[in-house]
Amino acid sequence: MSPWSPLHPLHLFLGLVIWSLWFVALYGGLSLACEFAPPDEERGALTWVNASMLLLAALVSSFLLWSARRCWRAAPDADEGAATGRFVARIAAAVYLISALAAVGLAIPGVILPPCI
């Protein structure tokens, strides 16, 4: 079975790996932006740093949601031979969905808080 197939066991943890990479990239990028090109503090949360964080969060979350939908739809019908594939696809879809929600949750402070305080 190809690793690109939604029934491959790789998808059982790939959503969390993508989320963890997003976590590191988000806060690493925020730290670098605040160190080398800090936005004006009077602007509050309306800065280029927050806008770029929200845009990237939307992209990451969209990809994770698309992956969740792809795994959910790929689950085979309820016959006996497809039980393992159905299990993998449904659990992978749930992991992708949770990862998408967590990716959005990481970006929510960007809506309210100034980036470099």
N, C-alpha and C. Protein backbone atom coordinates (compact mmCIF):
# COMPACT_ATOMS: atom_id res chain seq x y z
N MET A 1 0.84 -1.18 0.00
CA MET A 1 0.00 0.00 0.00
C MET A 1 0.89 1.24 0.00
N SER A 2 0.53 2.18 -0.80
CA SER A 2 1.29 3.42 -0.93
C SER A 2 1.12 4.31 0.31
N PRO A 3 2.17 5.00 0.74
CA PRO A 3 2.03 5.91 1.88
C PRO A 3 1.07 7.06 1.59
N TRP A 4 0.78 7.32 0.32
CA TRP A 4 -0.14 8.40 -0.03
C TRP A 4 -1.59 7.97 0.10
N SER A 5 -1.82 6.67 0.23
CA SER A 5 -3.18 6.16 0.39
C SER A 5 -3.72 6.58 1.75
N PRO A 6 -4.97 7.03 1.82
CA PRO A 6 -5.54 7.43 3.11
C PRO A 6 -5.73 6.26 4.07
N LEU A 7 -5.57 5.04 3.60
CA LEU A 7 -5.72 3.87 4.45
C LEU A 7 -4.39 3.41 5.04
N HIS A 8 -3.31 4.09 4.70
CA HIS A 8 -1.98 3.72 5.20
C HIS A 8 -1.86 4.11 6.68
N PRO A 9 -1.25 3.27 7.52
CA PRO A 9 -1.11 3.59 8.95
C PRO A 9 -0.30 4.84 9.24
N LEU A 10 0.46 5.34 8.31
CA LEU A 10 1.22 6.57 8.48
C LEU A 10 0.30 7.73 8.89
N HIS A 11 -0.93 7.70 8.41
CA HIS A 11 -1.86 8.79 8.68
C HIS A 11 -2.37 8.80 10.11
N LEU A 12 -2.09 7.74 10.86
CA LEU A 12 -2.52 7.70 12.26
C LEU A 12 -1.81 8.75 13.12
N PHE A 13 -0.62 9.16 12.72
CA PHE A 13 0.13 10.16 13.50
C PHE A 13 0.61 11.34 12.67
N LEU A 14 0.40 11.33 11.38
CA LEU A 14 0.90 12.40 10.53
C LEU A 14 0.27 13.76 10.85
N GLY A 15 -0.99 13.77 11.24
CA GLY A 15 -1.64 15.02 11.61
C GLY A 15 -0.97 15.68 12.80
N LEU A 16 -0.58 14.88 13.78
CA LEU A 16 0.09 15.44 14.95
C LEU A 16 1.51 15.90 14.62
N VAL A 17 2.15 15.23 13.69
CA VAL A 17 3.48 15.66 13.26
C VAL A 17 3.38 17.01 12.55
N ILE A 18 2.39 17.15 11.69
CA ILE A 18 2.19 18.42 10.98
C ILE A 18 1.88 19.52 11.98
N TRP A 19 1.02 19.22 12.96
CA TRP A 19 0.70 20.22 13.98
C TRP A 19 1.94 20.62 14.77
N SER A 20 2.76 19.66 15.16
CA SER A 20 3.95 20.00 15.94
C SER A 20 4.94 20.83 15.12
N LEU A 21 5.08 20.54 13.84
CA LEU A 21 5.92 21.37 12.98
C LEU A 21 5.35 22.78 12.87
N TRP A 22 4.03 22.88 12.79
CA TRP A 22 3.37 24.18 12.74
C TRP A 22 3.63 24.95 14.04
N PHE A 23 3.57 24.27 15.17
CA PHE A 23 3.82 24.89 16.47
C PHE A 23 5.22 25.49 16.51
N VAL A 24 6.21 24.71 16.11
CA VAL A 24 7.60 25.18 16.13
C VAL A 24 7.79 26.33 15.14
N ALA A 25 7.23 26.20 13.94
CA ALA A 25 7.39 27.24 12.93
C ALA A 25 6.69 28.54 13.36
N LEU A 26 5.51 28.42 13.96
CA LEU A 26 4.76 29.60 14.37
C LEU A 26 5.52 30.39 15.44
N TYR A 27 5.91 29.72 16.50
CA TYR A 27 6.56 30.45 17.58
C TYR A 27 8.01 30.78 17.27
N GLY A 28 8.68 29.97 16.49
CA GLY A 28 10.02 30.32 16.04
C GLY A 28 9.98 31.53 15.11
N GLY A 29 9.04 31.54 14.18
CA GLY A 29 8.89 32.68 13.27
C GLY A 29 8.48 33.94 14.00
N LEU A 30 7.61 33.79 14.99
CA LEU A 30 7.19 34.95 15.80
C LEU A 30 8.38 35.53 16.55
N SER A 31 9.19 34.68 17.11
CA SER A 31 10.38 35.15 17.84
C SER A 31 11.34 35.86 16.92
N LEU A 32 11.57 35.30 15.75
CA LEU A 32 12.48 35.95 14.80
C LEU A 32 11.92 37.27 14.30
N ALA A 33 10.63 37.31 14.03
CA ALA A 33 10.02 38.56 13.56
C ALA A 33 10.10 39.64 14.63
N CYS A 34 9.88 39.26 15.88
CA CYS A 34 9.94 40.24 16.96
C CYS A 34 11.38 40.69 17.24
N GLU A 35 12.33 39.85 16.95
CA GLU A 35 13.73 40.21 17.18
C GLU A 35 14.27 41.12 16.08
N PHE A 36 13.96 40.81 14.82
CA PHE A 36 14.59 41.51 13.71
C PHE A 36 13.72 42.59 13.06
N ALA A 37 12.40 42.47 13.14
CA ALA A 37 11.52 43.46 12.52
C ALA A 37 10.27 43.63 13.36
N PRO A 38 10.42 44.13 14.60
CA PRO A 38 9.24 44.25 15.46
C PRO A 38 8.26 45.30 14.92
N PRO A 39 6.99 44.98 14.95
CA PRO A 39 6.00 45.97 14.50
C PRO A 39 5.79 47.05 15.56
N ASP A 40 5.16 48.11 15.16
CA ASP A 40 4.89 49.22 16.07
C ASP A 40 3.92 48.78 17.16
N GLU A 41 4.24 49.08 18.42
CA GLU A 41 3.43 48.61 19.54
C GLU A 41 2.06 49.29 19.61
N GLU A 42 1.94 50.50 19.08
CA GLU A 42 0.67 51.22 19.14
C GLU A 42 -0.40 50.58 18.25
N ARG A 43 0.00 49.75 17.33
CA ARG A 43 -0.97 49.13 16.41
C ARG A 43 -1.74 48.01 17.08
N GLY A 44 -1.29 47.54 18.23
CA GLY A 44 -1.99 46.45 18.92
C GLY A 44 -1.87 45.15 18.15
N ALA A 45 -3.00 44.50 17.94
CA ALA A 45 -3.00 43.21 17.24
C ALA A 45 -3.06 43.36 15.72
N LEU A 46 -3.25 44.57 15.22
CA LEU A 46 -3.35 44.79 13.78
C LEU A 46 -1.97 45.02 13.17
N THR A 47 -1.18 43.96 13.09
CA THR A 47 0.18 44.06 12.56
C THR A 47 0.39 43.04 11.46
N TRP A 48 1.47 43.23 10.73
CA TRP A 48 1.79 42.29 9.66
C TRP A 48 2.16 40.92 10.23
N VAL A 49 2.70 40.89 11.43
CA VAL A 49 3.07 39.62 12.04
C VAL A 49 1.82 38.79 12.33
N ASN A 50 0.82 39.42 12.94
CA ASN A 50 -0.41 38.70 13.23
C ASN A 50 -1.15 38.30 11.96
N ALA A 51 -1.14 39.18 10.97
CA ALA A 51 -1.82 38.86 9.71
C ALA A 51 -1.16 37.65 9.03
N SER A 52 0.16 37.62 9.03
CA SER A 52 0.84 36.47 8.41
C SER A 52 0.63 35.20 9.22
N MET A 53 0.59 35.31 10.56
CA MET A 53 0.31 34.13 11.39
C MET A 53 -1.08 33.58 11.10
N LEU A 54 -2.06 34.47 10.98
CA LEU A 54 -3.42 34.03 10.71
C LEU A 54 -3.56 33.42 9.32
N LEU A 55 -2.88 34.00 8.34
CA LEU A 55 -2.92 33.44 6.99
C LEU A 55 -2.30 32.05 6.95
N LEU A 56 -1.14 31.89 7.57
CA LEU A 56 -0.50 30.58 7.60
C LEU A 56 -1.32 29.57 8.41
N ALA A 57 -1.96 30.02 9.47
CA ALA A 57 -2.83 29.13 10.26
C ALA A 57 -4.00 28.65 9.42
N ALA A 58 -4.55 29.55 8.62
CA ALA A 58 -5.65 29.16 7.74
C ALA A 58 -5.19 28.12 6.72
N LEU A 59 -3.99 28.29 6.19
CA LEU A 59 -3.47 27.32 5.22
C LEU A 59 -3.22 25.95 5.86
N VAL A 60 -2.58 25.95 7.01
CA VAL A 60 -2.28 24.68 7.71
C VAL A 60 -3.57 23.99 8.12
N SER A 61 -4.50 24.74 8.68
CA SER A 61 -5.77 24.16 9.11
C SER A 61 -6.58 23.64 7.93
N SER A 62 -6.55 24.37 6.83
CA SER A 62 -7.26 23.90 5.63
C SER A 62 -6.69 22.59 5.12
N PHE A 63 -5.37 22.49 5.11
CA PHE A 63 -4.74 21.24 4.68
C PHE A 63 -5.11 20.09 5.61
N LEU A 64 -5.09 20.34 6.92
CA LEU A 64 -5.43 19.29 7.87
C LEU A 64 -6.90 18.89 7.75
N LEU A 65 -7.79 19.85 7.54
CA LEU A 65 -9.20 19.52 7.34
C LEU A 65 -9.42 18.75 6.05
N TRP A 66 -8.72 19.13 5.01
CA TRP A 66 -8.81 18.40 3.74
C TRP A 66 -8.33 16.96 3.94
N SER A 67 -7.25 16.78 4.67
CA SER A 67 -6.73 15.44 4.93
C SER A 67 -7.72 14.62 5.76
N ALA A 68 -8.37 15.25 6.73
CA ALA A 68 -9.38 14.56 7.54
C ALA A 68 -10.54 14.10 6.67
N ARG A 69 -11.00 14.98 5.81
CA ARG A 69 -12.12 14.62 4.92
C ARG A 69 -11.71 13.50 3.97
N ARG A 70 -10.50 13.57 3.47
CA ARG A 70 -10.00 12.54 2.54
C ARG A 70 -9.95 11.18 3.23
N CYS A 71 -9.46 11.14 4.45
CA CYS A 71 -9.39 9.87 5.18
C CYS A 71 -10.80 9.35 5.51
N TRP A 72 -11.68 10.25 5.92
CA TRP A 72 -13.03 9.84 6.29
C TRP A 72 -13.77 9.24 5.08
N ARG A 73 -13.62 9.87 3.94
CA ARG A 73 -14.31 9.39 2.74
C ARG A 73 -13.68 8.13 2.17
N ALA A 74 -12.42 7.87 2.48
CA ALA A 74 -11.73 6.70 1.94
C ALA A 74 -12.01 5.44 2.74
N ALA A 75 -12.65 5.57 3.90
CA ALA A 75 -12.93 4.39 4.72
C ALA A 75 -13.82 3.43 3.93
N PRO A 76 -13.41 2.17 3.82
CA PRO A 76 -14.20 1.21 3.03
C PRO A 76 -15.55 0.91 3.69
N ASP A 77 -16.41 0.26 2.95
CA ASP A 77 -17.71 -0.13 3.47
C ASP A 77 -17.55 -1.14 4.60
N ALA A 78 -18.64 -1.45 5.24
CA ALA A 78 -18.62 -2.24 6.47
C ALA A 78 -18.55 -3.75 6.24
N ASP A 79 -17.81 -4.21 5.29
CA ASP A 79 -17.65 -5.67 5.15
C ASP A 79 -16.46 -6.13 6.00
N GLU A 80 -16.38 -7.41 6.27
CA GLU A 80 -15.38 -7.96 7.19
C GLU A 80 -13.94 -7.72 6.74
N GLY A 81 -13.66 -7.82 5.47
CA GLY A 81 -12.29 -7.69 4.98
C GLY A 81 -11.72 -6.29 5.09
N ALA A 82 -12.59 -5.30 5.25
CA ALA A 82 -12.14 -3.92 5.25
C ALA A 82 -12.11 -3.31 6.65
N ALA A 83 -12.21 -4.12 7.68
CA ALA A 83 -12.29 -3.58 9.03
C ALA A 83 -11.02 -2.82 9.42
N THR A 84 -9.86 -3.32 9.08
CA THR A 84 -8.62 -2.64 9.43
C THR A 84 -8.49 -1.32 8.68
N GLY A 85 -8.79 -1.32 7.40
CA GLY A 85 -8.71 -0.09 6.62
C GLY A 85 -9.70 0.95 7.12
N ARG A 86 -10.88 0.51 7.49
CA ARG A 86 -11.89 1.43 8.01
C ARG A 86 -11.42 2.04 9.34
N PHE A 87 -10.85 1.20 10.21
CA PHE A 87 -10.34 1.68 11.50
C PHE A 87 -9.25 2.72 11.29
N VAL A 88 -8.29 2.42 10.45
CA VAL A 88 -7.18 3.34 10.20
C VAL A 88 -7.70 4.65 9.62
N ALA A 89 -8.59 4.57 8.67
CA ALA A 89 -9.09 5.78 8.02
C ALA A 89 -9.89 6.64 8.99
N ARG A 90 -10.73 6.05 9.80
CA ARG A 90 -11.56 6.82 10.74
C ARG A 90 -10.72 7.46 11.85
N ILE A 91 -9.78 6.70 12.41
CA ILE A 91 -8.92 7.26 13.45
C ILE A 91 -8.02 8.34 12.87
N ALA A 92 -7.48 8.13 11.67
CA ALA A 92 -6.65 9.14 11.03
C ALA A 92 -7.45 10.41 10.77
N ALA A 93 -8.70 10.27 10.36
CA ALA A 93 -9.55 11.45 10.14
C ALA A 93 -9.75 12.21 11.45
N ALA A 94 -9.96 11.48 12.54
CA ALA A 94 -10.13 12.14 13.84
C ALA A 94 -8.85 12.85 14.27
N VAL A 95 -7.71 12.23 14.05
CA VAL A 95 -6.42 12.86 14.41
C VAL A 95 -6.19 14.11 13.58
N TYR A 96 -6.49 14.06 12.30
CA TYR A 96 -6.34 15.24 11.45
C TYR A 96 -7.29 16.35 11.91
N LEU A 97 -8.51 16.00 12.27
CA LEU A 97 -9.47 17.00 12.73
C LEU A 97 -9.01 17.66 14.03
N ILE A 98 -8.55 16.87 14.97
CA ILE A 98 -8.05 17.42 16.23
C ILE A 98 -6.83 18.31 15.98
N SER A 99 -5.97 17.88 15.07
CA SER A 99 -4.79 18.69 14.74
C SER A 99 -5.19 20.01 14.09
N ALA A 100 -6.22 19.99 13.25
CA ALA A 100 -6.69 21.24 12.62
C ALA A 100 -7.25 22.19 13.67
N LEU A 101 -8.01 21.66 14.62
CA LEU A 101 -8.55 22.51 15.69
C LEU A 101 -7.42 23.08 16.56
N ALA A 102 -6.41 22.26 16.82
CA ALA A 102 -5.27 22.74 17.61
C ALA A 102 -4.48 23.80 16.86
N ALA A 103 -4.36 23.66 15.55
CA ALA A 103 -3.66 24.66 14.75
C ALA A 103 -4.40 26.00 14.77
N VAL A 104 -5.72 25.95 14.73
CA VAL A 104 -6.50 27.17 14.84
C VAL A 104 -6.35 27.77 16.24
N GLY A 105 -6.35 26.90 17.24
CA GLY A 105 -6.20 27.37 18.62
C GLY A 105 -4.88 28.08 18.87
N LEU A 106 -3.84 27.67 18.18
CA LEU A 106 -2.55 28.35 18.32
C LEU A 106 -2.58 29.76 17.74
N ALA A 107 -3.42 29.97 16.75
CA ALA A 107 -3.44 31.26 16.07
C ALA A 107 -4.42 32.24 16.70
N ILE A 108 -5.29 31.79 17.58
CA ILE A 108 -6.29 32.67 18.17
C ILE A 108 -5.67 33.84 18.93
N PRO A 109 -4.58 33.66 19.69
CA PRO A 109 -3.97 34.84 20.34
C PRO A 109 -3.55 35.92 19.34
N GLY A 110 -3.29 35.54 18.11
CA GLY A 110 -2.93 36.52 17.09
C GLY A 110 -4.06 37.47 16.73
N VAL A 111 -5.27 37.09 17.07
CA VAL A 111 -6.41 37.96 16.80
C VAL A 111 -6.57 39.02 17.89
N ILE A 112 -6.15 38.67 19.11
CA ILE A 112 -6.43 39.52 20.25
C ILE A 112 -5.20 40.27 20.76
N LEU A 113 -4.06 39.59 20.78
CA LEU A 113 -2.88 40.15 21.45
C LEU A 113 -1.89 40.75 20.46
N PRO A 114 -1.17 41.79 20.89
CA PRO A 114 -0.06 42.27 20.07
C PRO A 114 1.04 41.21 20.05
N PRO A 115 1.75 41.08 18.96
CA PRO A 115 2.68 39.97 18.81
C PRO A 115 3.93 40.04 19.68
N CYS A 116 4.45 41.20 19.91
CA CYS A 116 5.76 41.32 20.57
C CYS A 116 5.64 42.06 21.89
N ILE A 117 5.01 41.44 22.86
CA ILE A 117 4.90 42.10 24.18
C ILE A 117 5.77 41.40 25.18
